[in-house]
Amino acid sequence: MLGYIAVLWGITGIGLLLGSAIYRLSAIGWQTFDYNLEWYHWLALVACIIFMGFSEGYRGFQQAWSPRVAARILYLSQNVTLMRLLLAPLFCMGFFSIIRKRMIVTYSLTLGIIAMVLLVHQLAQPWRGIIDLGVVTGLIWGLSSLCLFTLQAFFGKSFEHSAEVP
């Protein structure tokens, strides 16, 4: 029973985190269309959406992060502890109880994302909105792939991804 509660809290917490980012960045992104966009703005918008969809959505989320998180969600369902239950979203995202190399990568990537958010926040519109729409594309792809991998982990015939637990 506790395993199912932990799984529900883990996937819900991650979904709320990503969903909140999608909601907030979408609002800023849509403000881009309040400006008179030149051809180079449109070119940058299309390039940013394609680049972020591929690099963040496909390469980052679908090929790496989402399968690992789904594997950790499945692992959590069978190996719940009080700490993992309370911090299920953080456990599933790999912030603790993970192999050392992956933990270093996770924390470094998180710090890098925070730095990029702070830098992009300094940009004026329409450039900020252009980048934010690209990020939203990647985040939507990521949230979708996480849901699909999680369903596959629990209901699929075989799920070969590692939870990378020490």
Protein backbone atom coordinates (compact mmCIF):
# COMPACT_ATOMS: atom_id res chain seq x y z
CA MET A 1 0.00 0.00 0.00
CA LEU A 2 2.78 2.44 0.90
CA GLY A 3 4.46 1.63 -2.41
CA TYR A 4 1.42 2.80 -4.34
CA ILE A 5 1.17 5.98 -2.28
CA ALA A 6 4.86 6.67 -2.92
CA VAL A 7 4.41 6.05 -6.65
CA LEU A 8 1.39 8.33 -6.78
CA TRP A 9 3.21 11.08 -4.87
CA GLY A 10 6.35 10.66 -7.02
CA ILE A 11 4.66 10.87 -10.40
CA THR A 12 2.26 13.60 -9.23
CA GLY A 13 5.08 15.71 -7.79
CA ILE A 14 7.12 15.46 -10.98
CA GLY A 15 4.03 16.15 -13.09
CA LEU A 16 3.22 19.24 -11.04
CA LEU A 17 6.80 20.48 -11.32
CA LEU A 18 6.95 20.08 -15.09
CA GLY A 19 3.34 21.22 -15.55
CA SER A 20 3.98 24.37 -13.54
CA ALA A 21 6.99 25.20 -15.70
CA ILE A 22 4.99 24.55 -18.88
CA TYR A 23 2.17 26.79 -17.66
CA ARG A 24 4.41 29.68 -16.56
CA LEU A 25 6.68 29.60 -19.61
CA SER A 26 3.77 29.26 -22.02
CA ALA A 27 2.28 32.50 -20.72
CA ILE A 28 5.57 34.31 -21.31
CA GLY A 29 6.02 32.61 -24.67
CA TRP A 30 2.61 33.65 -25.95
CA GLN A 31 3.50 37.29 -25.18
CA THR A 32 5.96 37.01 -28.07
CA PHE A 33 3.08 37.26 -30.50
CA ASP A 34 2.10 40.67 -29.10
CA TYR A 35 5.18 42.08 -30.84
CA ASN A 36 5.69 42.88 -34.48
CA LEU A 37 7.94 39.97 -35.38
CA GLU A 38 10.45 40.30 -38.21
CA TRP A 39 11.54 37.42 -40.44
CA TYR A 40 14.58 36.71 -38.23
CA HIS A 41 12.33 36.41 -35.17
CA TRP A 42 10.23 33.81 -36.96
CA LEU A 43 13.36 31.99 -38.11
CA ALA A 44 14.72 31.99 -34.52
CA LEU A 45 11.36 30.76 -33.21
CA VAL A 46 11.20 27.82 -35.62
CA ALA A 47 14.88 26.98 -35.02
CA CYS A 48 14.45 27.16 -31.25
CA ILE A 49 11.37 24.93 -31.26
CA ILE A 50 13.08 22.36 -33.49
CA PHE A 51 16.35 22.48 -31.54
CA MET A 52 14.73 22.27 -28.10
CA GLY A 53 12.27 19.62 -29.24
CA PHE A 54 15.15 17.46 -30.44
CA SER A 55 17.82 18.18 -27.83
CA GLU A 56 15.68 18.62 -24.72
CA GLY A 57 12.59 16.62 -25.62
CA TYR A 58 13.96 13.70 -27.58
CA ARG A 59 17.60 13.38 -26.51
CA GLY A 60 17.31 14.66 -22.94
CA PHE A 61 13.93 13.43 -21.84
CA GLN A 62 12.87 10.55 -24.10
CA GLN A 63 16.25 8.83 -24.44
CA ALA A 64 17.70 9.45 -20.98
CA TRP A 65 15.69 11.04 -18.19
CA SER A 66 12.17 9.63 -18.66
CA PRO A 67 13.13 5.92 -18.85
CA ARG A 68 15.36 6.28 -15.79
CA VAL A 69 12.67 8.09 -13.80
CA ALA A 70 10.07 5.49 -14.82
CA ALA A 71 12.45 2.75 -13.69
CA ARG A 72 12.93 4.52 -10.35
CA ILE A 73 9.16 4.89 -9.97
CA LEU A 74 8.79 1.15 -10.54
CA TYR A 75 11.65 0.45 -8.10
CA LEU A 76 10.01 2.74 -5.53
CA SER A 77 6.76 0.77 -5.72
CA GLN A 78 8.61 -2.31 -4.46
CA ASN A 79 11.27 -0.71 -2.21
CA VAL A 80 9.59 2.09 -0.30
CA THR A 81 11.13 3.55 2.86
CA LEU A 82 9.89 6.47 4.95
CA MET A 83 12.45 8.84 3.41
CA ARG A 84 11.66 7.68 -0.13
CA LEU A 85 7.95 8.04 0.56
CA LEU A 86 8.25 11.58 1.90
CA LEU A 87 10.64 12.70 -0.85
CA ALA A 88 9.30 10.50 -3.64
CA PRO A 89 9.54 13.11 -6.45
CA LEU A 90 13.17 13.84 -5.54
CA PHE A 91 13.96 10.13 -5.28
CA CYS A 92 12.40 9.44 -8.65
CA MET A 93 14.33 12.30 -10.27
CA GLY A 94 17.58 10.89 -8.90
CA PHE A 95 18.57 13.40 -6.24
CA PHE A 96 19.42 10.66 -3.71
CA SER A 97 19.85 6.86 -3.50
CA ILE A 98 21.44 6.72 -6.93
CA ILE A 99 24.88 5.77 -8.15
CA ARG A 100 27.51 8.46 -7.51
CA LYS A 101 28.21 9.32 -11.15
CA ARG A 102 24.51 9.84 -11.90
CA MET A 103 24.06 11.95 -8.76
CA ILE A 104 26.90 14.25 -9.84
CA VAL A 105 25.35 14.56 -13.29
CA THR A 106 21.90 15.24 -11.80
CA TYR A 107 23.10 18.00 -9.48
CA SER A 108 25.34 19.55 -12.15
CA LEU A 109 22.53 19.54 -14.69
CA THR A 110 20.14 21.08 -12.16
CA LEU A 111 22.61 23.88 -11.39
CA GLY A 112 23.14 24.43 -15.11
CA ILE A 113 19.41 24.67 -15.72
CA ILE A 114 19.05 27.18 -12.88
CA ALA A 115 21.86 29.28 -14.38
CA MET A 116 20.23 29.18 -17.83
CA VAL A 117 16.86 30.18 -16.37
CA LEU A 118 18.48 33.18 -14.68
CA LEU A 119 20.23 34.19 -17.91
CA VAL A 120 17.16 33.81 -20.12
CA HIS A 121 15.14 35.77 -17.55
CA GLN A 122 17.36 38.78 -18.36
CA LEU A 123 16.45 38.76 -22.06
CA ALA A 124 13.92 41.21 -23.44
CA GLN A 125 10.86 40.16 -25.39
CA PRO A 126 10.44 38.79 -28.02
CA TRP A 127 13.71 36.85 -27.51
CA ARG A 128 12.78 35.54 -24.09
CA GLY A 129 9.44 34.31 -25.37
CA ILE A 130 11.08 32.64 -28.37
CA ILE A 131 13.39 30.66 -26.09
CA ASP A 132 10.59 29.90 -23.65
CA LEU A 133 8.40 28.47 -26.43
CA GLY A 134 11.28 26.17 -27.37
CA VAL A 135 11.65 25.09 -23.75
CA VAL A 136 7.90 24.47 -23.48
CA THR A 137 8.14 22.21 -26.53
CA GLY A 138 10.84 20.16 -24.82
CA LEU A 139 8.98 20.04 -21.51
CA ILE A 140 5.74 18.87 -23.11
CA TRP A 141 7.68 16.18 -24.94
CA GLY A 142 9.37 15.23 -21.68
CA LEU A 143 6.19 15.03 -19.63
CA SER A 144 4.52 12.97 -22.35
CA SER A 145 7.45 10.57 -22.61
CA LEU A 146 7.57 10.22 -18.82
CA CYS A 147 3.91 9.23 -18.72
CA LEU A 148 4.39 6.71 -21.54
CA PHE A 149 7.52 5.17 -20.01
CA THR A 150 5.83 4.93 -16.61
CA LEU A 151 2.85 3.13 -18.14
CA GLN A 152 5.25 0.83 -19.97
CA ALA A 153 7.17 0.13 -16.74
CA PHE A 154 4.04 -0.92 -14.88
CA PHE A 155 1.96 -2.51 -17.63
CA GLY A 156 4.38 -3.42 -20.43
CA LYS A 157 5.70 -6.90 -21.12
CA SER A 158 9.35 -5.98 -20.56
CA PHE A 159 10.99 -2.86 -19.21
CA GLU A 160 14.77 -3.00 -19.50
CA HIS A 161 15.76 0.38 -18.05
CA SER A 162 17.86 0.66 -14.90
CA ALA A 163 16.86 2.58 -11.78
CA GLU A 164 20.60 3.09 -11.15
CA VAL A 165 20.23 2.38 -7.44
CA PRO A 166 23.52 1.68 -5.61
